[in-house]
C-alpha atoms as a PDB file:
ATOM      1  CA  MET A   1      -0.030  -0.057  -0.040  1.00  0.00           C
ATOM      2  CA  GLN A   2       2.808   2.417   0.874  1.00  0.00           C
ATOM      3  CA  THR A   3       4.525   1.725  -2.409  1.00  0.00           C
ATOM      4  CA  PHE A   4       1.365   2.347  -4.276  1.00  0.00           C
ATOM      5  CA  ILE A   5       0.776   5.756  -2.552  1.00  0.00           C
ATOM      6  CA  VAL A   6       4.365   6.784  -3.140  1.00  0.00           C
ATOM      7  CA  GLY A   7       4.175   5.861  -6.748  1.00  0.00           C
ATOM      8  CA  TYR A   8       0.782   7.358  -7.670  1.00  0.00           C
ATOM      9  CA  GLY A   9       0.303  10.112  -4.917  1.00  0.00           C
ATOM     10  CA  TYR A  10      -3.154  11.566  -4.867  1.00  0.00           C
ATOM     11  CA  LEU A  11      -4.633   9.163  -7.362  1.00  0.00           C
ATOM     12  CA  ALA A  12      -3.647   6.315  -5.033  1.00  0.00           C
ATOM     13  CA  ILE A  13      -5.240   7.984  -2.049  1.00  0.00           C
ATOM     14  CA  PHE A  14      -8.412   8.536  -3.980  1.00  0.00           C
ATOM     15  CA  VAL A  15      -8.590   4.986  -5.174  1.00  0.00           C
ATOM     16  CA  LEU A  16      -7.826   3.420  -1.811  1.00  0.00           C
ATOM     17  CA  MET A  17     -10.351   5.678   0.073  1.00  0.00           C
ATOM     18  CA  LEU A  18     -12.972   4.976  -2.685  1.00  0.00           C
ATOM     19  CA  ALA A  19     -12.388   1.172  -2.196  1.00  0.00           C
ATOM     20  CA  GLU A  20     -12.937   1.527   1.516  1.00  0.00           C
ATOM     21  CA  SER A  21     -16.115   3.426   1.271  1.00  0.00           C
ATOM     22  CA  ALA A  22     -17.322   0.946  -1.483  1.00  0.00           C
ATOM     23  CA  CYS A  23     -17.379  -1.835   1.189  1.00  0.00           C
ATOM     24  CA  ILE A  24     -13.870  -3.233   0.351  1.00  0.00           C
ATOM     25  CA  PRO A  25     -12.126  -3.380   3.649  1.00  0.00           C
ATOM     26  CA  VAL A  26      -9.045  -1.110   2.873  1.00  0.00           C
ATOM     27  CA  PRO A  27      -7.823   0.612   6.015  1.00  0.00           C
ATOM     28  CA  SER A  28      -8.422   4.330   5.667  1.00  0.00           C
ATOM     29  CA  GLU A  29      -6.334   4.852   8.841  1.00  0.00           C
ATOM     30  CA  LEU A  30      -3.128   3.694   7.032  1.00  0.00           C
ATOM     31  CA  THR A  31      -4.037   5.421   3.739  1.00  0.00           C
ATOM     32  CA  MET A  32      -4.649   8.735   5.305  1.00  0.00           C
ATOM     33  CA  LEU A  33      -1.819   8.626   7.850  1.00  0.00           C
ATOM     34  CA  PHE A  34       0.743   7.714   5.234  1.00  0.00           C
ATOM     35  CA  GLY A  35      -0.596  10.356   2.915  1.00  0.00           C
ATOM     36  CA  GLY A  36      -0.295  12.901   5.659  1.00  0.00           C
ATOM     37  CA  ALA A  37       3.172  11.578   6.321  1.00  0.00           C
ATOM     38  CA  LEU A  38       4.318  11.996   2.861  1.00  0.00           C
ATOM     39  CA  ALA A  39       3.031  15.649   3.004  1.00  0.00           C
ATOM     40  CA  GLY A  40       5.268  15.936   6.026  1.00  0.00           C
ATOM     41  CA  GLY A  41       8.379  14.607   4.291  1.00  0.00           C
ATOM     42  CA  ALA A  42       8.370  10.981   5.289  1.00  0.00           C
ATOM     43  CA  VAL A  43       9.831   9.863   1.898  1.00  0.00           C
ATOM     44  CA  ALA A  44      12.415  11.921   0.012  1.00  0.00           C
ATOM     45  CA  GLY A  45      11.205  13.013  -3.441  1.00  0.00           C
ATOM     46  CA  ALA A  46       7.586  12.139  -2.708  1.00  0.00           C
ATOM     47  CA  HIS A  47       6.398  15.309  -0.945  1.00  0.00           C
ATOM     48  CA  LEU A  48       2.638  15.930  -1.255  1.00  0.00           C
ATOM     49  CA  SER A  49       0.363  18.822  -0.274  1.00  0.00           C
ATOM     50  CA  LEU A  50      -1.658  18.075   2.914  1.00  0.00           C
ATOM     51  CA  VAL A  51      -4.618  19.972   1.594  1.00  0.00           C
ATOM     52  CA  LEU A  52      -4.703  17.866  -1.517  1.00  0.00           C
ATOM     53  CA  VAL A  53      -4.124  14.646   0.380  1.00  0.00           C
ATOM     54  CA  VAL A  54      -7.229  15.430   2.525  1.00  0.00           C
ATOM     55  CA  ALA A  55      -9.196  16.545  -0.643  1.00  0.00           C
ATOM     56  CA  ALA A  56      -8.250  13.268  -2.383  1.00  0.00           C
ATOM     57  CA  GLY A  57      -9.357  11.289   0.617  1.00  0.00           C
ATOM     58  CA  VAL A  58     -12.695  13.024   0.962  1.00  0.00           C
ATOM     59  CA  ALA A  59     -13.357  12.781  -2.699  1.00  0.00           C
ATOM     60  CA  GLY A  60     -12.564   9.037  -2.729  1.00  0.00           C
ATOM     61  CA  ASN A  61     -14.878   8.547   0.305  1.00  0.00           C
ATOM     62  CA  VAL A  62     -17.827  10.404  -1.351  1.00  0.00           C
ATOM     63  CA  VAL A  63     -17.526   8.528  -4.664  1.00  0.00           C
ATOM     64  CA  GLY A  64     -17.169   5.249  -3.050  1.00  0.00           C
ATOM     65  CA  SER A  65     -20.091   5.805  -0.598  1.00  0.00           C
ATOM     66  CA  TYR A  66     -22.273   6.711  -3.586  1.00  0.00           C
ATOM     67  CA  LEU A  67     -21.311   3.504  -5.293  1.00  0.00           C
ATOM     68  CA  ALA A  68     -22.256   1.406  -2.268  1.00  0.00           C
ATOM     69  CA  TRP A  69     -25.401   3.575  -1.644  1.00  0.00           C
ATOM     70  CA  GLY A  70     -26.439   2.940  -5.281  1.00  0.00           C
ATOM     71  CA  VAL A  71     -25.741  -0.819  -5.121  1.00  0.00           C
ATOM     72  CA  GLY A  72     -27.707  -0.865  -1.802  1.00  0.00           C
ATOM     73  CA  ARG A  73     -30.596   0.947  -3.293  1.00  0.00           C
ATOM     74  CA  TYR A  74     -30.809  -0.796  -6.796  1.00  0.00           C
ATOM     75  CA  GLY A  75     -29.179  -4.186  -5.959  1.00  0.00           C
ATOM     76  CA  GLY A  76     -30.961  -4.825  -2.641  1.00  0.00           C
ATOM     77  CA  GLN A  77     -29.953  -6.853   0.383  1.00  0.00           C
ATOM     78  CA  ALA A  78     -30.251 -10.244  -1.279  1.00  0.00           C
ATOM     79  CA  ALA A  79     -27.562  -9.446  -3.768  1.00  0.00           C
ATOM     80  CA  TRP A  80     -25.161  -8.154  -1.186  1.00  0.00           C
ATOM     81  CA  ARG A  81     -25.676 -11.210   1.083  1.00  0.00           C
ATOM     82  CA  ARG A  82     -25.028 -13.440  -1.781  1.00  0.00           C
ATOM     83  CA  TRP A  83     -22.107 -11.770  -3.479  1.00  0.00           C
ATOM     84  CA  GLY A  84     -20.627  -9.762  -0.674  1.00  0.00           C
ATOM     85  CA  ARG A  85     -18.237 -12.496   0.375  1.00  0.00           C
ATOM     86  CA  TYR A  86     -16.298 -12.119  -2.892  1.00  0.00           C
ATOM     87  CA  ILE A  87     -15.106  -8.804  -1.581  1.00  0.00           C
ATOM     88  CA  LEU A  88     -14.557 -10.023   1.903  1.00  0.00           C
ATOM     89  CA  LEU A  89     -17.960  -8.506   3.032  1.00  0.00           C
ATOM     90  CA  ARG A  90     -19.384 -10.462   5.856  1.00  0.00           C
ATOM     91  CA  GLU A  91     -23.101 -10.710   6.755  1.00  0.00           C
ATOM     92  CA  ASP A  92     -22.405  -9.488  10.387  1.00  0.00           C
ATOM     93  CA  ASP A  93     -20.807  -6.375   8.910  1.00  0.00           C
ATOM     94  CA  ILE A  94     -24.082  -5.692   6.984  1.00  0.00           C
ATOM     95  CA  ASP A  95     -26.142  -6.486  10.038  1.00  0.00           C
ATOM     96  CA  ARG A  96     -24.163  -4.217  12.367  1.00  0.00           C
ATOM     97  CA  ALA A  97     -24.386  -1.299   9.841  1.00  0.00           C
ATOM     98  CA  GLU A  98     -28.178  -1.914   9.413  1.00  0.00           C
ATOM     99  CA  ARG A  99     -28.752  -1.838  13.215  1.00  0.00           C
ATOM    100  CA  TRP A 100     -26.744   1.372  13.457  1.00  0.00           C
ATOM    101  CA  PHE A 101     -28.683   2.931  10.656  1.00  0.00           C
ATOM    102  CA  GLY A 102     -31.977   1.633  12.089  1.00  0.00           C
ATOM    103  CA  ARG A 103     -31.318   3.213  15.495  1.00  0.00           C
ATOM    104  CA  HIS A 104     -29.960   6.584  14.363  1.00  0.00           C
ATOM    105  CA  GLY A 105     -31.636   7.089  10.922  1.00  0.00           C
ATOM    106  CA  SER A 106     -30.028   9.719   8.535  1.00  0.00           C
ATOM    107  CA  LYS A 107     -27.681  10.876  11.250  1.00  0.00           C
ATOM    108  CA  ALA A 108     -26.042   7.411  11.225  1.00  0.00           C
ATOM    109  CA  VAL A 109     -24.464   8.356   7.900  1.00  0.00           C
ATOM    110  CA  PHE A 110     -22.644  11.261   9.596  1.00  0.00           C
ATOM    111  CA  PHE A 111     -21.774   9.575  12.870  1.00  0.00           C
ATOM    112  CA  GLY A 112     -21.011   6.340  11.158  1.00  0.00           C
ATOM    113  CA  ARG A 113     -18.104   7.914   9.246  1.00  0.00           C
ATOM    114  CA  LEU A 114     -16.325   8.430  12.503  1.00  0.00           C
ATOM    115  CA  LEU A 115     -16.335   4.802  13.576  1.00  0.00           C
ATOM    116  CA  PRO A 116     -14.151   2.035  12.336  1.00  0.00           C
ATOM    117  CA  VAL A 117     -15.826  -0.795  10.466  1.00  0.00           C
ATOM    118  CA  ILE A 118     -19.282   0.968  10.624  1.00  0.00           C
ATOM    119  CA  ARG A 119     -17.817   3.646   8.296  1.00  0.00           C
ATOM    120  CA  THR A 120     -17.031   1.107   5.718  1.00  0.00           C
ATOM    121  CA  PHE A 121     -20.461  -0.377   5.445  1.00  0.00           C
ATOM    122  CA  ILE A 122     -22.888   2.373   6.536  1.00  0.00           C
ATOM    123  CA  SER A 123     -23.648   3.381   2.868  1.00  0.00           C
ATOM    124  CA  LEU A 124     -25.434   0.008   2.260  1.00  0.00           C
ATOM    125  CA  PRO A 125     -28.289   0.357   4.721  1.00  0.00           C
ATOM    126  CA  ALA A 126     -28.749   3.891   3.582  1.00  0.00           C
ATOM    127  CA  GLY A 127     -29.285   2.566   0.034  1.00  0.00           C
ATOM    128  CA  PHE A 128     -31.437  -0.186   1.405  1.00  0.00           C
ATOM    129  CA  ALA A 129     -33.626   2.521   3.056  1.00  0.00           C
ATOM    130  CA  ARG A 130     -33.569   4.578  -0.190  1.00  0.00           C
ATOM    131  CA  MET A 131     -32.229   7.570   1.720  1.00  0.00           C
ATOM    132  CA  PRO A 132     -32.591  10.639  -0.671  1.00  0.00           C
ATOM    133  CA  PRO A 133     -29.209  11.101  -2.576  1.00  0.00           C
ATOM    134  CA  LEU A 134     -28.809  14.836  -1.789  1.00  0.00           C
ATOM    135  CA  ARG A 135     -29.331  14.176   2.025  1.00  0.00           C
ATOM    136  CA  PHE A 136     -27.074  11.167   1.835  1.00  0.00           C
ATOM    137  CA  GLY A 137     -24.274  13.226   0.134  1.00  0.00           C
ATOM    138  CA  ILE A 138     -24.473  16.061   2.615  1.00  0.00           C
ATOM    139  CA  TYR A 139     -24.180  13.792   5.683  1.00  0.00           C
ATOM    140  CA  THR A 140     -21.439  11.797   3.854  1.00  0.00           C
ATOM    141  CA  VAL A 141     -19.278  14.804   3.206  1.00  0.00           C
ATOM    142  CA  ALA A 142     -19.836  16.339   6.591  1.00  0.00           C
ATOM    143  CA  GLY A 143     -18.738  12.946   8.238  1.00  0.00           C
ATOM    144  CA  CYS A 144     -15.807  12.279   5.902  1.00  0.00           C
ATOM    145  CA  ILE A 145     -14.023  15.702   6.370  1.00  0.00           C
ATOM    146  CA  PRO A 146     -13.188  15.482  10.149  1.00  0.00           C
ATOM    147  CA  TRP A 147     -12.040  11.807   9.838  1.00  0.00           C
ATOM    148  CA  THR A 148      -9.763  12.354   6.820  1.00  0.00           C
ATOM    149  CA  LEU A 149      -8.519  15.664   8.152  1.00  0.00           C
ATOM    150  CA  ALA A 150      -7.607  14.211  11.605  1.00  0.00           C
ATOM    151  CA  LEU A 151      -5.808  11.254  10.068  1.00  0.00           C
ATOM    152  CA  GLY A 152      -3.982  13.382   7.529  1.00  0.00           C
ATOM    153  CA  TRP A 153      -2.967  15.881  10.078  1.00  0.00           C
ATOM    154  CA  ALA A 154      -1.748  13.097  12.402  1.00  0.00           C
ATOM    155  CA  GLY A 155       0.424  11.719   9.637  1.00  0.00           C
ATOM    156  CA  TYR A 156       1.707  15.117   8.748  1.00  0.00           C
ATOM    157  CA  ALA A 157       2.735  15.747  12.382  1.00  0.00           C
ATOM    158  CA  VAL A 158       4.785  12.493  12.269  1.00  0.00           C
ATOM    159  CA  GLY A 159       6.356  13.390   8.972  1.00  0.00           C
ATOM    160  CA  ALA A 160       9.936  12.088   8.571  1.00  0.00           C
ATOM    161  CA  ASN A 161       9.651   9.931  11.708  1.00  0.00           C
ATOM    162  CA  TRP A 162       6.938   7.693   9.878  1.00  0.00           C
ATOM    163  CA  GLN A 163       9.269   4.781   9.494  1.00  0.00           C
ATOM    164  CA  SER A 164      10.471   4.559  13.004  1.00  0.00           C
ATOM    165  CA  ILE A 165       6.942   4.370  14.424  1.00  0.00           C
ATOM    166  CA  ALA A 166       4.900   2.945  11.721  1.00  0.00           C
ATOM    167  CA  ASN A 167       4.212  -0.350  13.433  1.00  0.00           C
ATOM    168  CA  ALA A 168       2.737   1.529  16.449  1.00  0.00           C
ATOM    169  CA  PHE A 169       0.142   3.488  14.425  1.00  0.00           C
ATOM    170  CA  HIS A 170      -2.691   0.942  14.850  1.00  0.00           C
ATOM    171  CA  GLY A 171      -2.789   1.429  18.610  1.00  0.00           C
ATOM    172  CA  PRO A 172      -3.166   5.382  18.561  1.00  0.00           C
ATOM    173  CA  THR A 173      -5.515   5.229  15.607  1.00  0.00           C
ATOM    174  CA  TYR A 174      -7.973   2.894  17.233  1.00  0.00           C
ATOM    175  CA  ALA A 175      -7.583   4.741  20.594  1.00  0.00           C
ATOM    176  CA  LEU A 176      -8.569   8.017  18.803  1.00  0.00           C
ATOM    177  CA  ALA A 177     -11.530   6.153  17.112  1.00  0.00           C
ATOM    178  CA  ALA A 178     -12.517   4.785  20.457  1.00  0.00           C
ATOM    179  CA  ILE A 179     -12.464   8.214  22.099  1.00  0.00           C
ATOM    180  CA  ILE A 180     -14.522   9.691  19.084  1.00  0.00           C
ATOM    181  CA  GLY A 181     -16.934   6.790  19.542  1.00  0.00           C
ATOM    182  CA  VAL A 182     -17.470   7.358  23.163  1.00  0.00           C
ATOM    183  CA  LEU A 183     -18.014  11.006  22.552  1.00  0.00           C
ATOM    184  CA  ILE A 184     -20.652  10.123  19.891  1.00  0.00           C
ATOM    185  CA  VAL A 185     -22.410   7.686  22.126  1.00  0.00           C
ATOM    186  CA  ILE A 186     -22.561  10.216  25.024  1.00  0.00           C
ATOM    187  CA  ALA A 187     -23.993  12.875  22.628  1.00  0.00           C
ATOM    188  CA  LEU A 188     -26.711  10.371  21.285  1.00  0.00           C
ATOM    189  CA  ILE A 189     -27.601   9.373  24.886  1.00  0.00           C
ATOM    190  CA  VAL A 190     -28.041  13.084  25.857  1.00  0.00           C
ATOM    191  CA  LEU A 191     -29.940  13.667  22.605  1.00  0.00           C
ATOM    192  CA  ALA A 192     -32.241  10.738  23.231  1.00  0.00           C
ATOM    193  CA  ARG A 193     -32.963  11.775  26.880  1.00  0.00           C
ATOM    194  CA  ARG A 194     -33.697  15.284  25.761  1.00  0.00           C
ATOM    195  CA  ARG A 195     -36.221  13.998  23.202  1.00  0.00           C
ATOM    196  CA  ARG A 196     -37.775  11.549  25.737  1.00  0.00           C
ATOM    197  CA  HIS A 197     -38.152  14.350  28.198  1.00  0.00           C
ATOM    198  CA  GLU A 198     -39.728  16.699  25.578  1.00  0.00           C
ATOM    199  CA  ARG A 199     -42.038  13.850  24.540  1.00  0.00           C
ATOM    200  CA  THR A 200     -43.137  13.116  28.145  1.00  0.00           C
ATOM    201  CA  THR A 201     -43.685  16.860  28.733  1.00  0.00           C
ATOM    202  CA  SER A 202     -45.812  17.157  25.659  1.00  0.00           C
ATOM    203  CA  GLU A 203     -47.908  14.102  26.610  1.00  0.00           C
ATOM    204  CA  ASP A 204     -48.366  15.593  30.213  1.00  0.00           C
ATOM    205  CA  GLN A 205     -49.543  18.786  28.624  1.00  0.00           C
ATOM    206  CA  GLU A 206     -51.943  17.058  26.340  1.00  0.00           C
ATOM    207  CA  ALA A 207     -53.313  15.009  29.212  1.00  0.00           C
ATOM    208  CA  GLY A 208     -53.812  18.227  31.161  1.00  0.00           C
ATOM    209  CA  ASN A 209     -55.620  19.840  28.332  1.00  0.00           C
ATOM    210  CA  ALA A 210     -57.829  16.736  27.948  1.00  0.00           C
ATOM    211  CA  ARG A 211     -58.702  16.843  31.697  1.00  0.00           C
ATOM    212  CA  SER A 212     -59.475  20.533  31.395  1.00  0.00           C
ATOM    213  CA  SER A 213     -61.723  20.020  28.516  1.00  0.00           C
ATOM    214  CA  ALA A 214     -63.431  17.220  30.249  1.00  0.00           C
ATOM    215  CA  ILE A 215     -64.128  19.307  33.313  1.00  0.00           C
ATOM    216  CA  SER A 216     -65.475  22.289  31.305  1.00  0.00           C
END
């Protein structure tokens, strides 16, 4: 993967990020971290622009996501469950993404982009549910930018020290993802409680109004 990125630069980043978002399990963590590291001078003669690295990553994510969304919408679940194994797609991956989308609806497309594994497959249930393409694109872009930017910047910060600590990247990457995931879960819990409180208050008000009407 590193040789491919060194040789083809932005095109390689675009293709790898497209593949990941199209449900092919290519680790975006390594792609964006190494792309950022190249921008920071990790390999002599292969200097890239961090802005263009992030732009290529976001563009690949969006295109790949639309491909998966389209296949989910027009191909349906049966086709994916039958043929997905040929691209290393497991049924429990689809099930996990469907449960996430089912619980959180359209917002799952945004939040799912910030979580490992979920981000790779979240476009499928959005397609199954026939989520409108414009809304899907807006949530996808909004979710892709912070993830690719954070990874690209982290790789850029490492820069020339990439080779000496490359083997240790998996730990910090997943630790970062875990922290983001916890924050997202907390935000969702707070949002759910607020909505439940608002619903309870509304029901109490309706009951009070009904009693008042009955009395009068």
